[in-house]
Amino acid sequence: MTKMFQSKLALGVLWAATVVLAGVSAYFVGWKAEAKYEDLITTTGPEVKLEEQGRYDEAIQTVLDRRKEVPEASIDSQAALIYLERAKKDWASREKWVQQAATYLDKAATSAPKDPFTLESAMDGFNTVGDYSEKGCPYYEKAAGYGEAALALLQNNTVTIEGHARSYPTQPIKESIQPQLKRIRGKIEAWCKKTS
């Protein structure tokens, strides 16, 4: 009976050691994955550094060069944001840069018409274009249209976006879009409606 007891004890010790080792290994694998994710979300691309240096054309070209690696809508949205940053800083040519931003925002929304995130980005971008432009009303109206299109896609509890493996809950997206859309509609009411 002692041999059986010893073998059961040895088996129990082996099992406990395996569980502890697996747990410790899983902890370190998870820790490493989390560190890698943190690096991924905090690392800035070369276009950000170029933009910070005022080298906007190079920043935009860097973004556009990634067309084969990244979805077109994302590339166009990033290019639009760089043009908007340029418009913010270059008052003399502001209208030119907002026109460029508007072109890329339209391209992004056209290439991903069923992606509420892209449409929300277009809404926000066109709102900024309207703020920067001397004739903002058409841009505010376009921003509202993109916001409404995004909300129309969010009727169910979740939404699956083309090219993404998982679905997203719609409530947080709606909560992000609705207040901004309300502000844009307020601008349209205040500044764009003609009185007869």
N, C-alpha and C. Protein backbone atom coordinates (compact mmCIF):
# COMPACT_ATOMS: atom_id res chain seq x y z
N MET A 1 0.82 -1.19 0.00
CA MET A 1 0.00 0.00 0.00
C MET A 1 0.86 1.25 0.00
N THR A 2 2.03 1.17 0.52
CA THR A 2 2.90 2.33 0.53
C THR A 2 3.36 2.70 -0.88
N LYS A 3 3.57 1.66 -1.73
CA LYS A 3 3.97 1.97 -3.11
C LYS A 3 2.84 2.68 -3.84
N MET A 4 1.60 2.22 -3.60
CA MET A 4 0.47 2.87 -4.25
C MET A 4 0.31 4.28 -3.71
N PHE A 5 0.48 4.44 -2.42
CA PHE A 5 0.39 5.77 -1.81
C PHE A 5 1.47 6.69 -2.37
N GLN A 6 2.69 6.16 -2.48
CA GLN A 6 3.80 6.94 -3.01
C GLN A 6 3.56 7.32 -4.47
N SER A 7 3.03 6.42 -5.26
CA SER A 7 2.78 6.74 -6.67
C SER A 7 1.66 7.76 -6.79
N LYS A 8 0.61 7.64 -5.94
CA LYS A 8 -0.47 8.64 -5.98
C LYS A 8 0.05 10.00 -5.51
N LEU A 9 0.89 9.98 -4.50
CA LEU A 9 1.48 11.22 -4.01
C LEU A 9 2.35 11.85 -5.09
N ALA A 10 3.16 11.03 -5.75
CA ALA A 10 4.02 11.54 -6.83
C ALA A 10 3.17 12.08 -7.97
N LEU A 11 2.10 11.38 -8.31
CA LEU A 11 1.20 11.83 -9.36
C LEU A 11 0.54 13.16 -8.98
N GLY A 12 0.12 13.28 -7.71
CA GLY A 12 -0.50 14.52 -7.24
C GLY A 12 0.47 15.68 -7.27
N VAL A 13 1.72 15.43 -6.85
CA VAL A 13 2.74 16.47 -6.88
C VAL A 13 3.02 16.89 -8.33
N LEU A 14 3.12 15.91 -9.22
CA LEU A 14 3.34 16.19 -10.64
C LEU A 14 2.19 17.01 -11.21
N TRP A 15 0.96 16.63 -10.87
CA TRP A 15 -0.21 17.37 -11.34
C TRP A 15 -0.18 18.82 -10.84
N ALA A 16 0.09 19.00 -9.54
CA ALA A 16 0.14 20.35 -8.95
C ALA A 16 1.25 21.17 -9.60
N ALA A 17 2.40 20.56 -9.81
CA ALA A 17 3.50 21.27 -10.45
C ALA A 17 3.12 21.68 -11.87
N THR A 18 2.43 20.82 -12.59
CA THR A 18 1.99 21.13 -13.96
C THR A 18 1.01 22.30 -13.97
N VAL A 19 0.07 22.28 -13.04
CA VAL A 19 -0.91 23.37 -12.95
C VAL A 19 -0.21 24.69 -12.65
N VAL A 20 0.70 24.68 -11.69
CA VAL A 20 1.43 25.90 -11.33
C VAL A 20 2.27 26.39 -12.51
N LEU A 21 2.98 25.48 -13.15
CA LEU A 21 3.80 25.84 -14.30
C LEU A 21 2.96 26.40 -15.44
N ALA A 22 1.82 25.77 -15.71
CA ALA A 22 0.93 26.25 -16.78
C ALA A 22 0.40 27.64 -16.44
N GLY A 23 0.03 27.85 -15.19
CA GLY A 23 -0.48 29.15 -14.77
C GLY A 23 0.57 30.24 -14.90
N VAL A 24 1.77 29.95 -14.42
CA VAL A 24 2.86 30.93 -14.52
C VAL A 24 3.18 31.22 -15.98
N SER A 25 3.22 30.19 -16.80
CA SER A 25 3.51 30.38 -18.23
C SER A 25 2.43 31.22 -18.89
N ALA A 26 1.18 30.92 -18.57
CA ALA A 26 0.08 31.70 -19.15
C ALA A 26 0.16 33.16 -18.73
N TYR A 27 0.53 33.40 -17.48
CA TYR A 27 0.68 34.77 -17.00
C TYR A 27 1.71 35.53 -17.83
N PHE A 28 2.87 34.91 -18.04
CA PHE A 28 3.93 35.59 -18.78
C PHE A 28 3.61 35.73 -20.26
N VAL A 29 2.92 34.76 -20.83
CA VAL A 29 2.50 34.88 -22.23
C VAL A 29 1.51 36.04 -22.36
N GLY A 30 0.56 36.11 -21.44
CA GLY A 30 -0.41 37.21 -21.45
C GLY A 30 0.25 38.55 -21.23
N TRP A 31 1.19 38.59 -20.31
CA TRP A 31 1.91 39.83 -20.02
C TRP A 31 2.66 40.30 -21.26
N LYS A 32 3.32 39.37 -21.95
CA LYS A 32 4.07 39.71 -23.16
C LYS A 32 3.12 40.20 -24.26
N ALA A 33 1.97 39.55 -24.41
CA ALA A 33 0.99 39.96 -25.42
C ALA A 33 0.45 41.35 -25.10
N GLU A 34 0.20 41.61 -23.82
CA GLU A 34 -0.29 42.93 -23.44
C GLU A 34 0.75 44.00 -23.71
N ALA A 35 2.01 43.71 -23.42
CA ALA A 35 3.08 44.67 -23.70
C ALA A 35 3.19 44.94 -25.20
N LYS A 36 3.04 43.90 -25.99
CA LYS A 36 3.10 44.05 -27.45
C LYS A 36 1.93 44.92 -27.93
N TYR A 37 0.73 44.71 -27.37
CA TYR A 37 -0.43 45.51 -27.73
C TYR A 37 -0.23 46.97 -27.33
N GLU A 38 0.30 47.21 -26.13
CA GLU A 38 0.58 48.58 -25.69
C GLU A 38 1.53 49.27 -26.66
N ASP A 39 2.57 48.55 -27.09
CA ASP A 39 3.51 49.13 -28.06
C ASP A 39 2.79 49.44 -29.36
N LEU A 40 1.90 48.56 -29.77
CA LEU A 40 1.18 48.75 -31.02
C LEU A 40 0.31 49.99 -30.98
N ILE A 41 -0.41 50.22 -29.88
CA ILE A 41 -1.32 51.35 -29.84
C ILE A 41 -0.62 52.66 -29.48
N THR A 42 0.58 52.61 -28.91
CA THR A 42 1.27 53.84 -28.56
C THR A 42 2.35 54.21 -29.56
N THR A 43 2.69 53.31 -30.46
CA THR A 43 3.71 53.61 -31.45
C THR A 43 3.10 54.46 -32.55
N THR A 44 3.75 55.54 -32.88
CA THR A 44 3.26 56.41 -33.95
C THR A 44 4.01 56.09 -35.24
N GLY A 45 3.29 56.23 -36.33
CA GLY A 45 3.89 55.98 -37.63
C GLY A 45 4.77 57.13 -38.06
N PRO A 46 5.53 56.92 -39.11
CA PRO A 46 6.43 57.97 -39.59
C PRO A 46 5.68 59.21 -40.06
N GLU A 47 4.43 59.01 -40.51
CA GLU A 47 3.66 60.17 -40.99
C GLU A 47 3.38 61.17 -39.86
N VAL A 48 3.25 60.69 -38.64
CA VAL A 48 2.98 61.58 -37.51
C VAL A 48 4.19 62.48 -37.27
N LYS A 49 5.36 61.89 -37.31
CA LYS A 49 6.57 62.70 -37.10
C LYS A 49 6.76 63.71 -38.23
N LEU A 50 6.48 63.29 -39.46
CA LEU A 50 6.58 64.20 -40.60
C LEU A 50 5.57 65.34 -40.46
N GLU A 51 4.37 65.00 -40.04
CA GLU A 51 3.32 66.01 -39.86
C GLU A 51 3.73 67.01 -38.77
N GLU A 52 4.27 66.50 -37.68
CA GLU A 52 4.71 67.37 -36.58
C GLU A 52 5.82 68.33 -37.03
N GLN A 53 6.61 67.89 -38.00
CA GLN A 53 7.69 68.72 -38.53
C GLN A 53 7.19 69.68 -39.62
N GLY A 54 5.90 69.60 -39.95
CA GLY A 54 5.35 70.47 -40.99
C GLY A 54 5.62 69.95 -42.39
N ARG A 55 6.03 68.72 -42.50
CA ARG A 55 6.33 68.11 -43.81
C ARG A 55 5.10 67.33 -44.27
N TYR A 56 4.04 68.08 -44.57
CA TYR A 56 2.73 67.50 -44.84
C TYR A 56 2.70 66.66 -46.12
N ASP A 57 3.32 67.13 -47.17
CA ASP A 57 3.30 66.37 -48.42
C ASP A 57 3.95 65.01 -48.24
N GLU A 58 5.05 64.96 -47.52
CA GLU A 58 5.72 63.69 -47.25
C GLU A 58 4.87 62.80 -46.35
N ALA A 59 4.20 63.41 -45.37
CA ALA A 59 3.33 62.64 -44.47
C ALA A 59 2.19 62.00 -45.26
N ILE A 60 1.58 62.77 -46.13
CA ILE A 60 0.47 62.23 -46.94
C ILE A 60 0.97 61.14 -47.86
N GLN A 61 2.13 61.34 -48.47
CA GLN A 61 2.67 60.31 -49.36
C GLN A 61 2.98 59.03 -48.59
N THR A 62 3.48 59.16 -47.37
CA THR A 62 3.76 58.00 -46.53
C THR A 62 2.48 57.21 -46.27
N VAL A 63 1.39 57.92 -46.00
CA VAL A 63 0.10 57.27 -45.78
C VAL A 63 -0.37 56.60 -47.07
N LEU A 64 -0.31 57.32 -48.17
CA LEU A 64 -0.81 56.78 -49.44
C LEU A 64 0.01 55.58 -49.91
N ASP A 65 1.26 55.52 -49.53
CA ASP A 65 2.11 54.38 -49.91
C ASP A 65 1.68 53.08 -49.25
N ARG A 66 0.86 53.15 -48.22
CA ARG A 66 0.40 51.95 -47.52
C ARG A 66 -0.91 51.40 -48.07
N ARG A 67 -1.34 51.86 -49.22
CA ARG A 67 -2.63 51.43 -49.80
C ARG A 67 -2.74 49.92 -49.95
N LYS A 68 -1.66 49.23 -50.24
CA LYS A 68 -1.73 47.78 -50.43
C LYS A 68 -1.86 47.03 -49.11
N GLU A 69 -1.45 47.65 -48.01
CA GLU A 69 -1.44 46.99 -46.71
C GLU A 69 -2.68 47.29 -45.86
N VAL A 70 -3.29 48.44 -46.07
CA VAL A 70 -4.36 48.94 -45.20
C VAL A 70 -5.60 49.21 -46.06
N PRO A 71 -6.80 49.00 -45.52
CA PRO A 71 -8.01 49.30 -46.30
C PRO A 71 -8.03 50.74 -46.82
N GLU A 72 -8.54 50.88 -48.02
CA GLU A 72 -8.54 52.18 -48.69
C GLU A 72 -9.23 53.27 -47.86
N ALA A 73 -10.35 52.93 -47.24
CA ALA A 73 -11.08 53.93 -46.45
C ALA A 73 -10.21 54.48 -45.32
N SER A 74 -9.44 53.63 -44.69
CA SER A 74 -8.56 54.06 -43.60
C SER A 74 -7.47 55.00 -44.12
N ILE A 75 -6.90 54.64 -45.25
CA ILE A 75 -5.85 55.48 -45.85
C ILE A 75 -6.41 56.85 -46.20
N ASP A 76 -7.58 56.87 -46.86
CA ASP A 76 -8.18 58.15 -47.25
C ASP A 76 -8.55 58.99 -46.03
N SER A 77 -9.04 58.36 -44.98
CA SER A 77 -9.37 59.09 -43.75
C SER A 77 -8.11 59.70 -43.12
N GLN A 78 -7.01 58.94 -43.11
CA GLN A 78 -5.76 59.46 -42.55
C GLN A 78 -5.24 60.63 -43.37
N ALA A 79 -5.31 60.52 -44.70
CA ALA A 79 -4.86 61.61 -45.57
C ALA A 79 -5.70 62.86 -45.30
N ALA A 80 -7.02 62.68 -45.14
CA ALA A 80 -7.90 63.82 -44.86
C ALA A 80 -7.52 64.50 -43.55
N LEU A 81 -7.21 63.70 -42.53
CA LEU A 81 -6.83 64.29 -41.24
C LEU A 81 -5.55 65.11 -41.35
N ILE A 82 -4.61 64.65 -42.15
CA ILE A 82 -3.37 65.41 -42.33
C ILE A 82 -3.67 66.73 -43.04
N TYR A 83 -4.53 66.68 -44.06
CA TYR A 83 -4.91 67.92 -44.74
C TYR A 83 -5.63 68.88 -43.80
N LEU A 84 -6.46 68.34 -42.91
CA LEU A 84 -7.15 69.21 -41.95
C LEU A 84 -6.16 69.85 -40.96
N GLU A 85 -5.17 69.07 -40.55
CA GLU A 85 -4.14 69.64 -39.67
C GLU A 85 -3.36 70.74 -40.39
N ARG A 86 -3.11 70.51 -41.66
CA ARG A 86 -2.41 71.51 -42.46
C ARG A 86 -3.27 72.77 -42.60
N ALA A 87 -4.56 72.58 -42.83
CA ALA A 87 -5.47 73.73 -42.95
C ALA A 87 -5.53 74.52 -41.65
N LYS A 88 -5.46 73.81 -40.54
CA LYS A 88 -5.49 74.47 -39.22
C LYS A 88 -4.31 75.41 -39.04
N LYS A 89 -3.16 75.03 -39.60
CA LYS A 89 -1.94 75.80 -39.38
C LYS A 89 -1.60 76.76 -40.52
N ASP A 90 -2.14 76.54 -41.70
CA ASP A 90 -1.81 77.36 -42.87
C ASP A 90 -3.02 78.20 -43.27
N TRP A 91 -3.19 79.33 -42.60
CA TRP A 91 -4.35 80.17 -42.84
C TRP A 91 -4.41 80.69 -44.27
N ALA A 92 -3.26 80.99 -44.83
CA ALA A 92 -3.23 81.59 -46.17
C ALA A 92 -3.80 80.64 -47.23
N SER A 93 -3.58 79.35 -47.07
CA SER A 93 -4.05 78.36 -48.06
C SER A 93 -5.12 77.44 -47.47
N ARG A 94 -5.76 77.89 -46.44
CA ARG A 94 -6.71 77.04 -45.73
C ARG A 94 -7.78 76.44 -46.64
N GLU A 95 -8.36 77.25 -47.51
CA GLU A 95 -9.44 76.77 -48.38
C GLU A 95 -8.95 75.63 -49.30
N LYS A 96 -7.73 75.76 -49.78
CA LYS A 96 -7.15 74.72 -50.63
C LYS A 96 -7.03 73.39 -49.87
N TRP A 97 -6.56 73.47 -48.62
CA TRP A 97 -6.35 72.24 -47.84
C TRP A 97 -7.65 71.60 -47.41
N VAL A 98 -8.67 72.42 -47.11
CA VAL A 98 -9.96 71.82 -46.74
C VAL A 98 -10.61 71.15 -47.95
N GLN A 99 -10.37 71.68 -49.14
CA GLN A 99 -10.88 71.03 -50.35
C GLN A 99 -10.24 69.66 -50.52
N GLN A 100 -8.94 69.59 -50.29
CA GLN A 100 -8.24 68.30 -50.38
C GLN A 100 -8.77 67.33 -49.33
N ALA A 101 -8.96 67.81 -48.12
CA ALA A 101 -9.49 66.97 -47.05
C ALA A 101 -10.88 66.44 -47.43
N ALA A 102 -11.72 67.33 -47.97
CA ALA A 102 -13.08 66.93 -48.37
C ALA A 102 -13.03 65.83 -49.43
N THR A 103 -12.12 65.96 -50.37
CA THR A 103 -11.99 64.95 -51.42
C THR A 103 -11.66 63.58 -50.82
N TYR A 104 -10.72 63.54 -49.91
CA TYR A 104 -10.34 62.27 -49.28
C TYR A 104 -11.43 61.73 -48.35
N LEU A 105 -12.15 62.62 -47.68
CA LEU A 105 -13.25 62.16 -46.83
C LEU A 105 -14.34 61.50 -47.68
N ASP A 106 -14.65 62.12 -48.82
CA ASP A 106 -15.65 61.53 -49.72
C ASP A 106 -15.18 60.17 -50.24
N LYS A 107 -13.90 60.09 -50.60
CA LYS A 107 -13.36 58.81 -51.10
C LYS A 107 -13.45 57.73 -50.03
N ALA A 108 -13.15 58.09 -48.79
CA ALA A 108 -13.21 57.11 -47.70
C ALA A 108 -14.64 56.61 -47.52
N ALA A 109 -15.59 57.53 -47.46
CA ALA A 109 -16.98 57.14 -47.24
C ALA A 109 -17.53 56.35 -48.43
N THR A 110 -17.13 56.69 -49.63
CA THR A 110 -17.59 55.97 -50.82
C THR A 110 -17.03 54.56 -50.85
N SER A 111 -15.80 54.38 -50.39
CA SER A 111 -15.18 53.05 -50.44
C SER A 111 -15.66 52.14 -49.31
N ALA A 112 -16.30 52.71 -48.28
CA ALA A 112 -16.80 51.88 -47.17
C ALA A 112 -18.18 52.40 -46.72
N PRO A 113 -19.18 52.33 -47.61
CA PRO A 113 -20.49 52.92 -47.28
C PRO A 113 -21.27 52.18 -46.19
N LYS A 114 -20.83 50.98 -45.83
CA LYS A 114 -21.53 50.20 -44.79
C LYS A 114 -20.71 50.11 -43.51
N ASP A 115 -19.73 50.97 -43.37
CA ASP A 115 -18.87 50.98 -42.18
C ASP A 115 -19.21 52.23 -41.34
N PRO A 116 -19.91 52.04 -40.21
CA PRO A 116 -20.30 53.20 -39.42
C PRO A 116 -19.11 53.99 -38.87
N PHE A 117 -17.98 53.32 -38.66
CA PHE A 117 -16.80 54.04 -38.16
C PHE A 117 -16.25 55.00 -39.22
N THR A 118 -16.21 54.54 -40.46
CA THR A 118 -15.75 55.40 -41.55
C THR A 118 -16.72 56.55 -41.77
N LEU A 119 -18.01 56.26 -41.71
CA LEU A 119 -19.01 57.32 -41.89
C LEU A 119 -18.96 58.32 -40.74
N GLU A 120 -18.72 57.83 -39.52
CA GLU A 120 -18.56 58.75 -38.39
C GLU A 120 -17.33 59.63 -38.59
N SER A 121 -16.26 59.04 -39.06
CA SER A 121 -15.04 59.81 -39.33
C SER A 121 -15.30 60.86 -40.40
N ALA A 122 -16.05 60.50 -41.45
CA ALA A 122 -16.40 61.46 -42.50
C ALA A 122 -17.27 62.58 -41.93
N MET A 123 -18.20 62.22 -41.05
CA MET A 123 -19.05 63.23 -40.40
C MET A 123 -18.19 64.23 -39.62
N ASP A 124 -17.29 63.70 -38.79
CA ASP A 124 -16.42 64.57 -37.99
C ASP A 124 -15.52 65.42 -38.89
N GLY A 125 -14.97 64.79 -39.92
CA GLY A 125 -14.09 65.51 -40.84
C GLY A 125 -14.80 66.63 -41.57
N PHE A 126 -15.99 66.34 -42.10
CA PHE A 126 -16.74 67.38 -42.82
C PHE A 126 -17.21 68.49 -41.88
N ASN A 127 -17.46 68.17 -40.63
CA ASN A 127 -17.78 69.20 -39.65
C ASN A 127 -16.59 70.15 -39.49
N THR A 128 -15.40 69.60 -39.41
CA THR A 128 -14.20 70.43 -39.29
C THR A 128 -13.96 71.21 -40.57
N VAL A 129 -14.16 70.56 -41.72
CA VAL A 129 -14.04 71.27 -43.00
C VAL A 129 -14.99 72.46 -43.01
N GLY A 130 -16.22 72.25 -42.55
CA GLY A 130 -17.19 73.35 -42.49
C GLY A 130 -16.73 74.47 -41.57
N ASP A 131 -16.12 74.11 -40.45
CA ASP A 131 -15.60 75.12 -39.52
C ASP A 131 -14.48 75.93 -40.15
N TYR A 132 -13.64 75.29 -40.95
CA TYR A 132 -12.49 75.95 -41.53
C TYR A 132 -12.80 76.69 -42.82
N SER A 133 -13.84 76.29 -43.51
CA SER A 133 -14.15 76.86 -44.82
C SER A 133 -14.92 78.17 -44.69
N GLU A 134 -14.73 79.03 -45.68
CA GLU A 134 -15.49 80.28 -45.71
C GLU A 134 -16.96 80.01 -46.01
N LYS A 135 -17.23 78.92 -46.72
CA LYS A 135 -18.60 78.54 -47.05
C LYS A 135 -18.86 77.17 -46.44
N GLY A 136 -19.12 77.16 -45.15
CA GLY A 136 -19.21 75.90 -44.42
C GLY A 136 -20.51 75.14 -44.56
N CYS A 137 -21.60 75.80 -44.95
CA CYS A 137 -22.91 75.14 -44.94
C CYS A 137 -22.97 73.85 -45.75
N PRO A 138 -22.48 73.81 -46.98
CA PRO A 138 -22.55 72.54 -47.71
C PRO A 138 -21.78 71.42 -47.00
N TYR A 139 -20.73 71.78 -46.33
CA TYR A 139 -19.94 70.77 -45.61
C TYR A 139 -20.66 70.28 -44.35
N TYR A 140 -21.33 71.20 -43.65
CA TYR A 140 -22.12 70.79 -42.49
C TYR A 140 -23.25 69.85 -42.93
N GLU A 141 -23.88 70.18 -44.04
CA GLU A 141 -24.96 69.33 -44.54
C GLU A 141 -24.44 67.95 -44.93
N LYS A 142 -23.25 67.91 -45.54
CA LYS A 142 -22.66 66.63 -45.89
C LYS A 142 -22.29 65.85 -44.62
N ALA A 143 -21.79 66.55 -43.62
CA ALA A 143 -21.45 65.92 -42.34
C ALA A 143 -22.71 65.29 -41.72
N ALA A 144 -23.80 66.03 -41.74
CA ALA A 144 -25.06 65.50 -41.19
C ALA A 144 -25.51 64.28 -41.98
N GLY A 145 -25.37 64.32 -43.29
CA GLY A 145 -25.75 63.17 -44.11
C GLY A 145 -24.95 61.93 -43.77
N TYR A 146 -23.66 62.09 -43.57
CA TYR A 146 -22.83 60.93 -43.20
C TYR A 146 -23.18 60.43 -41.79
N GLY A 147 -23.48 61.34 -40.88
CA GLY A 147 -23.88 60.93 -39.54
C GLY A 147 -25.19 60.16 -39.56
N GLU A 148 -26.14 60.64 -40.35
CA GLU A 148 -27.43 59.94 -40.46
C GLU A 148 -27.25 58.58 -41.12
N ALA A 149 -26.38 58.50 -42.13
CA ALA A 149 -26.12 57.21 -42.79
C ALA A 149 -25.50 56.22 -41.80
N ALA A 150 -24.61 56.71 -40.95
CA ALA A 150 -23.99 55.84 -39.95
C ALA A 150 -25.04 55.33 -38.97
N LEU A 151 -25.91 56.22 -38.50
CA LEU A 151 -26.95 55.81 -37.56
C LEU A 151 -27.91 54.80 -38.19
N ALA A 152 -28.18 54.95 -39.47
CA ALA A 152 -29.07 54.01 -40.16
C ALA A 152 -28.51 52.59 -40.16
N LEU A 153 -27.19 52.47 -40.13
CA LEU A 153 -26.56 51.15 -40.10
C LEU A 153 -26.59 50.52 -38.71
N LEU A 154 -26.98 51.29 -37.71
CA LEU A 154 -26.88 50.84 -36.32
C LEU A 154 -28.23 50.52 -35.70
N GLN A 155 -29.13 49.97 -36.48
CA GLN A 155 -30.48 49.67 -35.99
C GLN A 155 -30.52 48.46 -35.07
N ASN A 156 -29.65 47.49 -35.27
CA ASN A 156 -29.63 46.28 -34.43
C ASN A 156 -28.73 46.49 -33.23
N ASN A 157 -28.62 45.46 -32.39
CA ASN A 157 -27.78 45.55 -31.19
C ASN A 157 -26.30 45.46 -31.51
N THR A 158 -25.96 44.79 -32.63
CA THR A 158 -24.57 44.68 -33.06
C THR A 158 -24.49 44.96 -34.55
N VAL A 159 -23.30 45.30 -35.00
CA VAL A 159 -23.06 45.52 -36.41
C VAL A 159 -21.76 44.82 -36.78
N THR A 160 -21.78 44.14 -37.91
CA THR A 160 -20.57 43.50 -38.43
C THR A 160 -20.07 44.35 -39.58
N ILE A 161 -18.82 44.69 -39.52
CA ILE A 161 -18.24 45.57 -40.53
C ILE A 161 -17.44 44.73 -41.50
N GLU A 162 -17.65 45.01 -42.77
CA GLU A 162 -16.96 44.27 -43.82
C GLU A 162 -15.45 44.32 -43.59
N GLY A 163 -14.82 43.16 -43.68
CA GLY A 163 -13.38 43.09 -43.51
C GLY A 163 -12.95 42.86 -42.06
N HIS A 164 -13.90 42.90 -41.14
CA HIS A 164 -13.59 42.65 -39.73
C HIS A 164 -14.20 41.31 -39.32
N ALA A 165 -13.50 40.59 -38.50
CA ALA A 165 -13.93 39.24 -38.11
C ALA A 165 -15.01 39.25 -37.04
N ARG A 166 -15.15 40.33 -36.32
CA ARG A 166 -16.11 40.32 -35.22
C ARG A 166 -17.15 41.42 -35.39
N SER A 167 -18.23 41.30 -34.64
CA SER A 167 -19.25 42.34 -34.68
C SER A 167 -19.04 43.27 -33.48
N TYR A 168 -19.60 44.47 -33.59
CA TYR A 168 -19.42 45.49 -32.57
C TYR A 168 -20.79 45.86 -32.00
N PRO A 169 -20.88 46.14 -30.70
CA PRO A 169 -22.15 46.61 -30.15
C PRO A 169 -22.44 48.01 -30.70
N THR A 170 -23.69 48.24 -31.03
CA THR A 170 -24.04 49.51 -31.68
C THR A 170 -24.26 50.66 -30.70
N GLN A 171 -24.65 50.38 -29.47
CA GLN A 171 -24.99 51.45 -28.54
C GLN A 171 -23.83 52.45 -28.31
N PRO A 172 -22.60 52.00 -28.05
CA PRO A 172 -21.53 52.99 -27.86
C PRO A 172 -21.25 53.81 -29.12
N ILE A 173 -21.44 53.20 -30.28
CA ILE A 173 -21.22 53.94 -31.53
C ILE A 173 -22.29 55.01 -31.68
N LYS A 174 -23.54 54.64 -31.40
CA LYS A 174 -24.64 55.61 -31.47
C LYS A 174 -24.39 56.76 -30.50
N GLU A 175 -23.95 56.41 -29.27
CA GLU A 175 -23.72 57.44 -28.26
C GLU A 175 -22.59 58.38 -28.65
N SER A 176 -21.71 57.93 -29.49
CA SER A 176 -20.63 58.78 -29.99
C SER A 176 -21.13 59.69 -31.11
N ILE A 177 -21.98 59.16 -31.97
CA ILE A 177 -22.44 59.91 -33.14
C ILE A 177 -23.54 60.92 -32.79
N GLN A 178 -24.50 60.53 -31.99
CA GLN A 178 -25.69 61.35 -31.77
C GLN A 178 -25.41 62.77 -31.25
N PRO A 179 -24.57 62.97 -30.23
CA PRO A 179 -24.34 64.35 -29.76
C PRO A 179 -23.63 65.21 -30.81
N GLN A 180 -22.70 64.61 -31.52
CA GLN A 180 -21.99 65.36 -32.56
C GLN A 180 -22.96 65.74 -33.68
N LEU A 181 -23.81 64.80 -34.06
CA LEU A 181 -24.80 65.06 -35.11
C LEU A 181 -25.76 66.17 -34.67
N LYS A 182 -26.13 66.17 -33.41
CA LYS A 182 -27.01 67.22 -32.89
C LYS A 182 -26.34 68.60 -33.00
N ARG A 183 -25.05 68.68 -32.68
CA ARG A 183 -24.32 69.95 -32.80
C ARG A 183 -24.24 70.41 -34.26
N ILE A 184 -24.01 69.45 -35.15
CA ILE A 184 -23.93 69.80 -36.57
C ILE A 184 -25.28 70.30 -37.06
N ARG A 185 -26.36 69.62 -36.67
CA ARG A 185 -27.70 70.08 -37.07
C ARG A 185 -27.97 71.48 -36.51
N GLY A 186 -27.48 71.76 -35.31
CA GLY A 186 -27.61 73.09 -34.74
C GLY A 186 -26.90 74.14 -35.58
N LYS A 187 -25.72 73.82 -36.08
CA LYS A 187 -25.00 74.75 -36.96
C LYS A 187 -25.79 74.99 -38.24
N ILE A 188 -26.35 73.92 -38.79
CA ILE A 188 -27.14 74.05 -40.02
C ILE A 188 -28.35 74.95 -39.77
N GLU A 189 -29.04 74.72 -38.66
CA GLU A 189 -30.21 75.55 -38.33
C GLU A 189 -29.82 77.01 -38.14
N ALA A 190 -28.73 77.24 -37.43
CA ALA A 190 -28.34 78.61 -37.10
C ALA A 190 -27.76 79.36 -38.29
N TRP A 191 -26.98 78.69 -39.11
CA TRP A 191 -26.23 79.42 -40.12
C TRP A 191 -26.64 79.14 -41.56
N CYS A 192 -27.31 78.04 -41.79
CA CYS A 192 -27.50 77.63 -43.19
C CYS A 192 -28.93 77.75 -43.69
N LYS A 193 -29.89 77.83 -42.82
CA LYS A 193 -31.28 77.93 -43.27
C LYS A 193 -31.57 79.35 -43.72
N LYS A 194 -32.08 79.44 -44.93
CA LYS A 194 -32.43 80.75 -45.48
C LYS A 194 -33.80 81.17 -44.94
N THR A 195 -33.91 82.44 -44.56
CA THR A 195 -35.21 82.95 -44.14
C THR A 195 -35.88 83.61 -45.32
N SER A 196 -37.16 83.36 -45.47
CA SER A 196 -37.89 83.93 -46.62
C SER A 196 -38.53 85.22 -46.26
